[in-house]
Protein backbone atom coordinates (compact mmCIF):
# COMPACT_ATOMS: atom_id res chain seq x y z
CA MET A 1 -2.65 -38.75 -7.38
CA ALA A 2 -1.62 -37.99 -10.95
CA GLY A 3 -1.01 -34.29 -11.46
CA ASN A 4 -2.87 -33.90 -14.75
CA ARG A 5 -6.13 -34.82 -13.06
CA ARG A 6 -6.06 -31.72 -10.90
CA THR A 7 -6.85 -29.16 -13.60
CA SER A 8 -7.85 -31.23 -16.61
CA ARG A 9 -11.29 -29.59 -16.71
CA THR A 10 -10.04 -26.01 -16.37
CA SER A 11 -9.50 -25.43 -20.08
CA ARG A 12 -13.05 -26.57 -20.87
CA HIS A 13 -14.41 -23.55 -18.99
CA ALA A 14 -11.77 -21.01 -20.05
CA ALA A 15 -13.91 -19.45 -22.78
CA ARG A 16 -16.98 -19.05 -20.55
CA GLY A 17 -17.84 -15.95 -18.52
CA LEU A 18 -16.63 -15.48 -14.96
CA SER A 19 -20.06 -16.01 -13.38
CA THR A 20 -20.48 -19.26 -15.32
CA ARG A 21 -17.04 -20.43 -14.30
CA ALA A 22 -17.73 -19.52 -10.67
CA ILE A 23 -20.73 -21.87 -10.69
CA HIS A 24 -19.67 -24.76 -12.91
CA ALA A 25 -15.89 -24.87 -13.34
CA GLY A 26 -14.03 -27.86 -11.99
CA GLU A 27 -16.99 -30.22 -11.69
CA ASP A 28 -17.75 -33.41 -13.56
CA ARG A 29 -21.13 -33.30 -15.29
CA SER A 30 -22.20 -36.47 -13.46
CA ARG A 31 -21.88 -36.46 -9.69
CA TYR A 32 -22.59 -38.89 -6.87
CA ALA A 33 -26.34 -39.59 -6.48
CA ASP A 34 -27.01 -37.09 -9.29
CA SER A 35 -26.36 -34.26 -6.85
CA ILE A 36 -26.33 -30.72 -8.21
CA THR A 37 -23.79 -29.64 -5.60
CA THR A 38 -20.36 -31.20 -5.19
CA PRO A 39 -20.61 -33.69 -2.29
CA ILE A 40 -18.52 -33.44 0.86
CA VAL A 41 -16.20 -36.45 0.88
CA GLN A 42 -15.56 -36.61 4.62
CA THR A 43 -12.76 -39.13 4.88
CA SER A 44 -9.13 -39.13 5.96
CA THR A 45 -8.04 -42.10 3.88
CA TYR A 46 -9.12 -44.13 0.84
CA ALA A 47 -9.36 -47.92 0.46
CA PHE A 48 -7.72 -49.96 -2.28
CA LYS A 49 -9.77 -52.82 -3.73
CA ASP A 50 -6.75 -55.15 -3.82
CA THR A 51 -2.96 -55.21 -4.16
CA ALA A 52 -3.24 -54.96 -7.94
CA GLU A 53 -4.86 -51.56 -7.55
CA ILE A 54 -2.03 -50.44 -5.29
CA ALA A 55 0.45 -51.34 -8.02
CA ALA A 56 -1.65 -49.61 -10.65
CA TYR A 57 -1.57 -46.46 -8.55
CA THR A 58 2.03 -46.44 -7.34
CA ARG A 59 3.66 -47.79 -10.50
CA GLY A 60 1.18 -47.28 -13.28
CA GLY A 61 0.00 -43.76 -12.48
CA LYS A 62 -3.65 -44.65 -11.97
CA GLU A 63 -5.64 -41.56 -11.02
CA ARG A 64 -7.21 -41.98 -7.60
CA PHE A 65 -6.91 -40.74 -4.02
CA GLU A 66 -4.70 -42.29 -1.35
CA TYR A 67 -4.63 -40.21 1.85
CA GLY A 68 -6.39 -37.04 2.97
CA ARG A 69 -3.27 -34.90 3.23
CA TYR A 70 -2.47 -35.66 -0.41
CA GLY A 71 -5.86 -34.82 -1.84
CA ASN A 72 -9.64 -35.03 -1.54
CA PRO A 73 -12.39 -35.04 -4.21
CA THR A 74 -14.13 -31.96 -2.78
CA GLU A 75 -10.81 -30.11 -2.54
CA LEU A 76 -9.99 -31.07 -6.11
CA VAL A 77 -13.13 -29.38 -7.44
CA ALA A 78 -12.38 -26.22 -5.42
CA ALA A 79 -8.85 -26.06 -6.83
CA ARG A 80 -10.07 -26.56 -10.38
CA ARG A 81 -12.70 -23.86 -10.00
CA LEU A 82 -10.23 -21.35 -8.63
CA ALA A 83 -7.81 -22.13 -11.46
CA ALA A 84 -10.56 -21.53 -14.00
CA LEU A 85 -11.49 -18.20 -12.40
CA GLU A 86 -7.89 -16.97 -12.26
CA GLY A 87 -6.92 -18.34 -15.66
CA ALA A 88 -4.21 -20.54 -14.12
CA GLU A 89 -2.89 -23.93 -15.13
CA ASP A 90 -2.91 -25.24 -11.59
CA CYS A 91 -3.89 -24.43 -8.02
CA VAL A 92 -3.21 -25.64 -4.49
CA VAL A 93 -5.80 -24.95 -1.77
CA PHE A 94 -4.69 -24.44 1.84
CA SER A 95 -6.18 -24.28 5.32
CA SER A 96 -5.62 -20.49 5.50
CA GLY A 97 -4.29 -17.59 3.50
CA MET A 98 -1.13 -17.44 5.64
CA SER A 99 -0.52 -21.13 5.06
CA ALA A 100 -0.63 -20.42 1.33
CA VAL A 101 1.79 -17.50 1.74
CA THR A 102 4.35 -19.25 3.94
CA THR A 103 4.33 -22.56 2.07
CA THR A 104 4.71 -20.79 -1.28
CA ILE A 105 7.62 -18.70 -0.03
CA LEU A 106 9.41 -21.66 1.55
CA ALA A 107 9.00 -23.71 -1.63
CA MET A 108 10.62 -20.98 -3.72
CA VAL A 109 13.77 -20.35 -1.67
CA ARG A 110 16.80 -22.13 -0.27
CA ALA A 111 19.65 -21.04 2.00
CA GLY A 112 21.60 -18.16 0.47
CA ASP A 113 18.65 -16.83 -1.53
CA HIS A 114 17.20 -13.36 -1.19
CA ILE A 115 13.72 -11.93 -1.68
CA VAL A 116 12.31 -8.44 -2.19
CA ILE A 117 8.97 -7.43 -0.68
CA THR A 118 7.15 -4.10 -0.49
CA ASP A 119 6.47 -2.41 2.83
CA ASP A 120 2.70 -2.24 2.32
CA ALA A 121 2.32 -6.02 2.41
CA TYR A 122 0.20 -7.75 5.05
CA LYS A 123 1.73 -7.45 8.52
CA LYS A 124 2.14 -11.20 9.09
CA THR A 125 3.64 -11.70 5.62
CA LEU A 126 6.22 -9.01 6.33
CA GLU A 127 6.94 -10.55 9.72
CA PHE A 128 7.49 -13.98 8.19
CA CYS A 129 9.80 -12.65 5.46
CA SER A 130 11.83 -10.27 7.61
CA SER A 131 12.16 -12.46 10.71
CA TYR A 132 11.53 -16.17 10.24
CA LEU A 133 13.20 -16.56 6.84
CA GLN A 134 16.49 -15.40 8.32
CA ARG A 135 16.56 -18.63 10.35
CA PHE A 136 16.86 -20.49 7.04
CA GLY A 137 19.59 -18.23 5.69
CA VAL A 138 17.31 -16.29 3.36
CA GLY A 139 17.77 -12.52 3.10
CA CYS A 140 14.95 -10.00 2.68
CA ASP A 141 14.81 -6.39 1.53
CA ILE A 142 11.67 -4.38 2.28
CA ILE A 143 11.12 -1.65 -0.31
CA PRO A 144 8.73 1.33 -0.11
CA PHE A 145 5.61 0.57 -2.11
CA GLY A 146 5.53 2.44 -5.41
CA ASP A 147 9.28 3.17 -5.53
CA TYR A 148 10.04 1.16 -8.66
CA ASP A 149 13.61 2.46 -8.92
CA ALA A 150 14.33 1.20 -5.41
CA LEU A 151 12.63 -2.09 -6.27
CA ASP A 152 14.76 -2.45 -9.38
CA ALA A 153 17.94 -1.64 -7.45
CA ALA A 154 17.13 -4.12 -4.67
CA VAL A 155 17.15 -7.16 -6.96
CA ARG A 156 20.41 -9.11 -6.72
CA ALA A 157 21.87 -12.16 -8.40
CA GLU A 158 20.58 -14.34 -5.55
CA THR A 159 17.07 -12.84 -5.54
CA ALA A 160 14.49 -15.61 -5.91
CA PHE A 161 11.37 -13.50 -6.33
CA ILE A 162 9.59 -10.18 -5.79
CA PHE A 163 6.51 -10.23 -3.55
CA SER A 164 3.79 -7.62 -3.23
CA GLU A 165 0.03 -7.16 -2.95
CA SER A 166 -2.48 -5.33 -5.09
CA PRO A 167 -4.57 -3.72 -3.72
CA THR A 168 -2.71 -3.42 -0.43
CA ASN A 169 -3.97 -3.24 3.13
CA PRO A 170 -5.08 -0.77 4.44
CA TYR A 171 -4.33 2.06 1.97
CA LEU A 172 -5.47 0.14 -1.13
CA ASN A 173 -2.37 0.97 -3.12
CA ILE A 174 -2.29 -0.57 -6.60
CA PHE A 175 0.86 -2.17 -7.95
CA ASP A 176 1.66 -1.33 -11.57
CA LEU A 177 1.90 -4.90 -12.85
CA GLU A 178 3.43 -3.85 -16.17
CA LYS A 179 6.35 -2.22 -14.32
CA LEU A 180 6.64 -5.29 -12.11
CA ARG A 181 6.88 -7.56 -15.14
CA ALA A 182 9.51 -5.32 -16.77
CA ILE A 183 11.70 -5.34 -13.65
CA ALA A 184 11.32 -9.10 -13.22
CA GLU A 185 12.14 -9.84 -16.85
CA ARG A 186 15.19 -7.58 -16.75
CA HIS A 187 16.60 -9.51 -13.79
CA GLY A 188 15.15 -12.95 -14.54
CA VAL A 189 13.31 -13.32 -11.23
CA ARG A 190 9.86 -14.67 -10.34
CA THR A 191 6.97 -12.50 -9.19
CA VAL A 192 4.26 -13.21 -6.62
CA ILE A 193 1.16 -11.05 -6.02
CA ASP A 194 -1.33 -11.46 -3.20
CA GLY A 195 -4.59 -10.62 -4.97
CA THR A 196 -6.97 -11.19 -2.06
CA PHE A 197 -8.48 -7.68 -2.06
CA ALA A 198 -9.12 -7.72 -5.82
CA THR A 199 -10.39 -11.29 -6.34
CA PRO A 200 -10.24 -12.82 -9.84
CA ILE A 201 -13.36 -10.79 -10.66
CA ASN A 202 -11.61 -7.42 -10.41
CA GLN A 203 -8.05 -8.34 -11.39
CA ARG A 204 -6.16 -11.35 -12.73
CA PRO A 205 -2.41 -10.72 -12.32
CA LEU A 206 -1.41 -13.78 -14.34
CA GLU A 207 -2.76 -12.00 -17.42
CA TRP A 208 -0.24 -9.22 -16.74
CA GLY A 209 2.74 -11.57 -16.60
CA VAL A 210 2.85 -12.29 -12.86
CA ASP A 211 4.10 -15.80 -12.09
CA LEU A 212 2.06 -16.71 -9.01
CA VAL A 213 -1.09 -15.34 -7.40
CA ILE A 214 -2.09 -15.95 -3.79
CA HIS A 215 -5.56 -15.56 -2.27
CA SER A 216 -6.92 -15.70 1.23
CA GLY A 217 -10.09 -17.65 0.51
CA THR A 218 -11.29 -16.60 3.94
CA LYS A 219 -12.31 -13.26 2.45
CA TYR A 220 -14.23 -12.74 -0.80
CA LEU A 221 -13.90 -16.25 -2.22
CA GLY A 222 -15.68 -17.81 0.76
CA GLY A 223 -17.74 -14.68 1.14
CA HIS A 224 -19.71 -15.51 4.29
CA ASN A 225 -17.25 -14.98 7.15
CA ASP A 226 -17.44 -18.66 8.08
CA ILE A 227 -14.27 -20.36 6.77
CA LEU A 228 -10.49 -20.12 6.71
CA ALA A 229 -8.89 -20.96 3.37
CA GLY A 230 -6.04 -20.00 1.07
CA ALA A 231 -4.81 -20.73 -2.44
CA VAL A 232 -1.83 -20.27 -4.74
CA LEU A 233 -2.23 -20.34 -8.51
CA GLY A 234 0.04 -20.28 -11.56
CA ARG A 235 1.85 -22.43 -14.09
CA ARG A 236 2.04 -26.12 -13.25
CA GLU A 237 5.84 -26.14 -13.21
CA LEU A 238 5.79 -23.55 -10.41
CA ILE A 239 2.88 -25.09 -8.52
CA ASP A 240 4.32 -28.64 -8.41
CA PRO A 241 7.08 -27.89 -5.84
CA ILE A 242 4.60 -25.90 -3.73
CA ARG A 243 2.21 -28.86 -3.75
CA ALA A 244 5.03 -31.19 -2.76
CA LEU A 245 5.96 -29.02 0.24
CA HIS A 246 2.29 -28.60 1.11
CA LYS A 247 2.02 -32.36 1.53
CA ALA A 248 4.96 -32.31 3.95
CA ILE A 249 3.97 -29.24 5.96
CA GLY A 250 0.34 -30.32 6.12
CA GLY A 251 -1.67 -27.10 5.92
CA VAL A 252 -4.56 -29.09 4.49
CA ILE A 253 -8.03 -27.64 4.00
CA ASP A 254 -10.82 -29.93 5.21
CA PRO A 255 -13.57 -31.25 2.89
CA HIS A 256 -16.42 -29.35 4.55
CA CYS A 257 -14.48 -26.12 4.27
CA CYS A 258 -13.93 -26.85 0.56
CA TYR A 259 -17.67 -27.34 0.17
CA LEU A 260 -18.31 -23.93 1.75
CA LEU A 261 -15.62 -22.38 -0.45
CA LEU A 262 -17.33 -23.82 -3.54
CA ARG A 263 -20.68 -22.50 -2.31
CA GLY A 264 -19.17 -19.07 -1.79
CA MET A 265 -17.60 -18.94 -5.23
CA LYS A 266 -20.94 -19.56 -6.91
CA THR A 267 -22.04 -16.03 -5.99
CA LEU A 268 -18.59 -14.41 -6.14
CA ALA A 269 -19.21 -12.34 -9.27
CA LEU A 270 -22.58 -11.10 -7.98
CA ARG A 271 -21.24 -10.21 -4.55
CA VAL A 272 -18.12 -8.47 -5.82
CA ALA A 273 -20.11 -6.41 -8.32
CA ARG A 274 -22.42 -5.29 -5.52
CA GLN A 275 -19.52 -4.56 -3.19
CA ASN A 276 -17.71 -2.60 -5.90
CA SER A 277 -20.70 -0.34 -6.49
CA THR A 278 -21.50 0.04 -2.79
CA ALA A 279 -17.90 0.89 -1.89
CA GLN A 280 -17.80 3.53 -4.61
CA ARG A 281 -20.93 5.17 -3.22
CA VAL A 282 -19.65 4.96 0.35
CA ALA A 283 -16.28 6.41 -0.64
CA GLU A 284 -17.92 9.34 -2.39
CA PHE A 285 -20.19 9.93 0.61
CA LEU A 286 -17.29 9.88 3.06
CA ALA A 287 -15.19 12.15 0.85
CA ASP A 288 -17.86 14.85 1.24
CA HIS A 289 -18.56 14.28 4.93
CA PRO A 290 -17.51 17.10 7.29
CA ARG A 291 -16.27 14.56 9.88
CA VAL A 292 -13.88 12.81 7.50
CA LYS A 293 -10.37 14.07 6.86
CA ARG A 294 -9.43 11.87 3.90
CA VAL A 295 -10.68 8.80 2.02
CA TYR A 296 -8.48 6.15 0.39
CA TYR A 297 -10.27 4.29 -2.38
CA PRO A 298 -8.91 3.47 -5.87
CA GLY A 299 -12.21 4.46 -7.45
CA LEU A 300 -11.77 8.09 -6.38
CA PRO A 301 -9.83 10.33 -8.79
CA ASP A 302 -7.64 11.66 -5.96
CA HIS A 303 -6.32 8.21 -5.03
CA PRO A 304 -2.60 8.15 -5.98
CA HIS A 305 -3.05 4.98 -8.05
CA HIS A 306 -6.46 5.65 -9.56
CA GLY A 307 -5.06 5.63 -13.10
CA ILE A 308 -3.28 2.30 -12.62
CA ALA A 309 -6.40 0.76 -11.08
CA ALA A 310 -8.58 1.99 -13.94
CA ARG A 311 -6.18 0.43 -16.44
CA GLN A 312 -5.62 -3.00 -14.93
CA MET A 313 -8.74 -3.63 -12.83
CA SER A 314 -12.37 -4.14 -13.84
CA GLY A 315 -13.62 -2.97 -10.42
CA PHE A 316 -12.13 -1.05 -7.51
CA GLY A 317 -13.07 -3.43 -4.70
CA GLY A 318 -15.19 -3.46 -1.57
CA VAL A 319 -12.81 -1.88 0.96
CA VAL A 320 -12.75 1.82 1.82
CA THR A 321 -10.17 3.28 4.21
CA PHE A 322 -10.61 6.72 5.74
CA ASP A 323 -9.28 9.11 8.36
CA VAL A 324 -11.76 10.52 10.85
CA LYS A 325 -11.31 14.07 12.10
CA GLY A 326 -10.62 14.35 15.80
CA ARG A 327 -8.70 12.26 18.28
CA LEU A 328 -8.58 8.62 19.36
CA ALA A 329 -11.44 9.13 21.80
CA ASP A 330 -13.63 10.44 18.96
CA VAL A 331 -12.78 7.42 16.80
CA LYS A 332 -13.77 5.06 19.61
CA ARG A 333 -17.08 6.87 20.08
CA PHE A 334 -17.68 6.61 16.33
CA LEU A 335 -17.11 2.84 16.37
CA ASP A 336 -19.26 2.36 19.47
CA ALA A 337 -22.12 4.33 17.87
CA LEU A 338 -22.41 2.02 14.84
CA GLU A 339 -25.62 -0.01 14.71
CA LEU A 340 -25.35 -1.96 11.44
CA CYS A 341 -21.63 -2.35 10.77
CA TYR A 342 -19.84 -4.97 12.85
CA ILE A 343 -16.49 -4.16 14.44
CA ALA A 344 -14.38 -7.07 13.19
CA PRO A 345 -10.93 -7.56 11.59
CA SER A 346 -11.72 -9.19 8.28
CA LEU A 347 -13.34 -8.41 4.93
CA GLY A 348 -15.05 -9.85 1.90
CA GLY A 349 -18.17 -11.31 3.53
CA VAL A 350 -21.82 -10.45 3.08
CA GLU A 351 -21.83 -8.47 6.34
CA THR A 352 -20.25 -5.02 6.48
CA LEU A 353 -17.22 -5.06 8.78
CA ILE A 354 -15.24 -2.14 10.15
CA THR A 355 -11.93 -2.15 11.99
CA HIS A 356 -9.56 0.24 13.70
CA PRO A 357 -6.07 -1.00 12.72
CA ALA A 358 -4.32 0.86 15.56
CA SER A 359 -6.41 -0.99 18.16
CA VAL A 360 -6.65 -4.40 16.52
CA SER A 361 -3.79 -5.28 14.15
CA TYR A 362 -1.12 -2.95 15.56
CA TYR A 363 -2.07 -2.78 19.23
CA ASN A 364 1.34 -4.15 20.28
CA GLN A 365 3.29 -1.48 18.38
CA THR A 366 4.38 1.82 19.88
CA ARG A 367 2.52 4.88 18.66
CA LYS A 368 5.70 6.15 17.00
CA ARG A 369 6.19 2.87 15.13
CA ARG A 370 2.53 2.76 14.09
CA TYR A 371 2.71 6.24 12.67
CA GLU A 372 5.88 5.35 10.75
CA LEU A 373 3.85 2.56 9.13
CA GLY A 374 0.97 4.95 8.39
CA ILE A 375 -1.32 3.44 11.02
CA THR A 376 -2.64 6.56 12.70
CA ASP A 377 -5.03 6.77 15.64
CA THR A 378 -7.80 8.02 13.35
CA LEU A 379 -7.46 5.49 10.52
CA ILE A 380 -10.51 3.29 9.83
CA ARG A 381 -10.90 0.40 7.37
CA LEU A 382 -14.40 -0.41 6.16
CA ALA A 383 -15.21 -3.59 4.23
CA VAL A 384 -18.69 -3.27 2.76
CA GLY A 385 -21.03 -6.23 2.60
CA ILE A 386 -24.08 -6.67 0.41
CA GLU A 387 -26.62 -4.81 2.55
CA GLU A 388 -28.51 -1.92 1.01
CA PRO A 389 -25.96 0.84 0.30
CA ASP A 390 -28.28 3.49 1.76
CA ASP A 391 -28.41 1.59 5.05
CA ILE A 392 -24.62 1.38 5.29
CA ILE A 393 -24.28 5.07 4.52
CA ALA A 394 -26.98 6.00 7.03
CA ASP A 395 -25.24 4.00 9.77
CA LEU A 396 -21.88 5.64 9.06
CA ASP A 397 -23.50 9.09 8.97
CA GLN A 398 -25.30 8.78 12.30
CA ALA A 399 -22.19 7.39 14.01
CA LEU A 400 -19.97 10.12 12.61
CA ARG A 401 -22.37 12.82 13.74
CA LYS A 402 -22.76 11.34 17.22
CA SER A 403 -19.00 11.17 17.65
CA ALA A 404 -18.19 14.76 16.66
CA PRO A 405 -15.49 16.27 18.93
CA ARG A 406 -17.05 17.74 22.03
CA ARG A 407 -16.62 21.41 22.72
CA ARG A 408 -14.67 22.30 25.83
């Protein structure tokens, strides 16, 4: 399918507000059967009327669809809408966030190249870069997050790009995107930011000079804990080779999932605004709670990157990480006492989810290794939903009080 068709309607919506873009961007005004919603085109292949149409497509550049792995009308609208929200020229949508990450990285490197990534990146992203890329002759340096001198020093002549996240998981560290751009420009390397935790509502890294932005659409973009999806966005010249590899690797998102992603994006701005405000209230409540040792939330003045977040973000996000006083047994009793919050390892949906990284994401690591990574026995990550803030706070309060360390 001709490339210019993919985002030709993005510019039309660029001047409109984010909520308007989240509802309307990427769609043709007229749709099949006069439907208000974008239809699900549930097909794996597309028929040609005759051999002349084949020639018009293959030789003349006629815009149409050929095969499901190369494109789908419902997927096209989702990609256009995401591009409009992020302010990008182009977008590729994937079957998961990790598919977006791995395909993007593989498309940007070749044997002999080198990449730099920060140590606060998602566990599976770090694993892919530090382990699997070596099989293809690609080197990787992992740099402490926030050490910009070390980041600058790590870039070599063969460095293809710098990769990081903002905010990060689970400590919600915020990357100074102005410093990232300065380092990248000095060395002439590309930059990639995973912006899943921020969403395009709270932060748009492309506006700060970042080359590519990745999202796990599973989280806030879908917003209902019912899909897996991913996306990469940026300039068309950078997206084209990623799209080409995507067709070969085949991490294709299905049409029904695209429909649910489009549905989720329609309320993205409303949900994120609610989650921002709720998370701020929850963070402030936890910071004053006698059972909580420390709270990590960019909206709190004592967060190490509060100033950066206030400068480059329009909202601080819906995730709050905190340390509970006591021991592992007390943390488990706290989690078991919750009545509203679900114990689950994800975020961004309408339901409030809570997870214990030491037990879920890092269960196969030794305690010593976990602590080196900052994953303590008492660390909790809370992803607020859109329930009443008072109900979330009340549930946390009763569970914290019930799980107070027992006197001996």
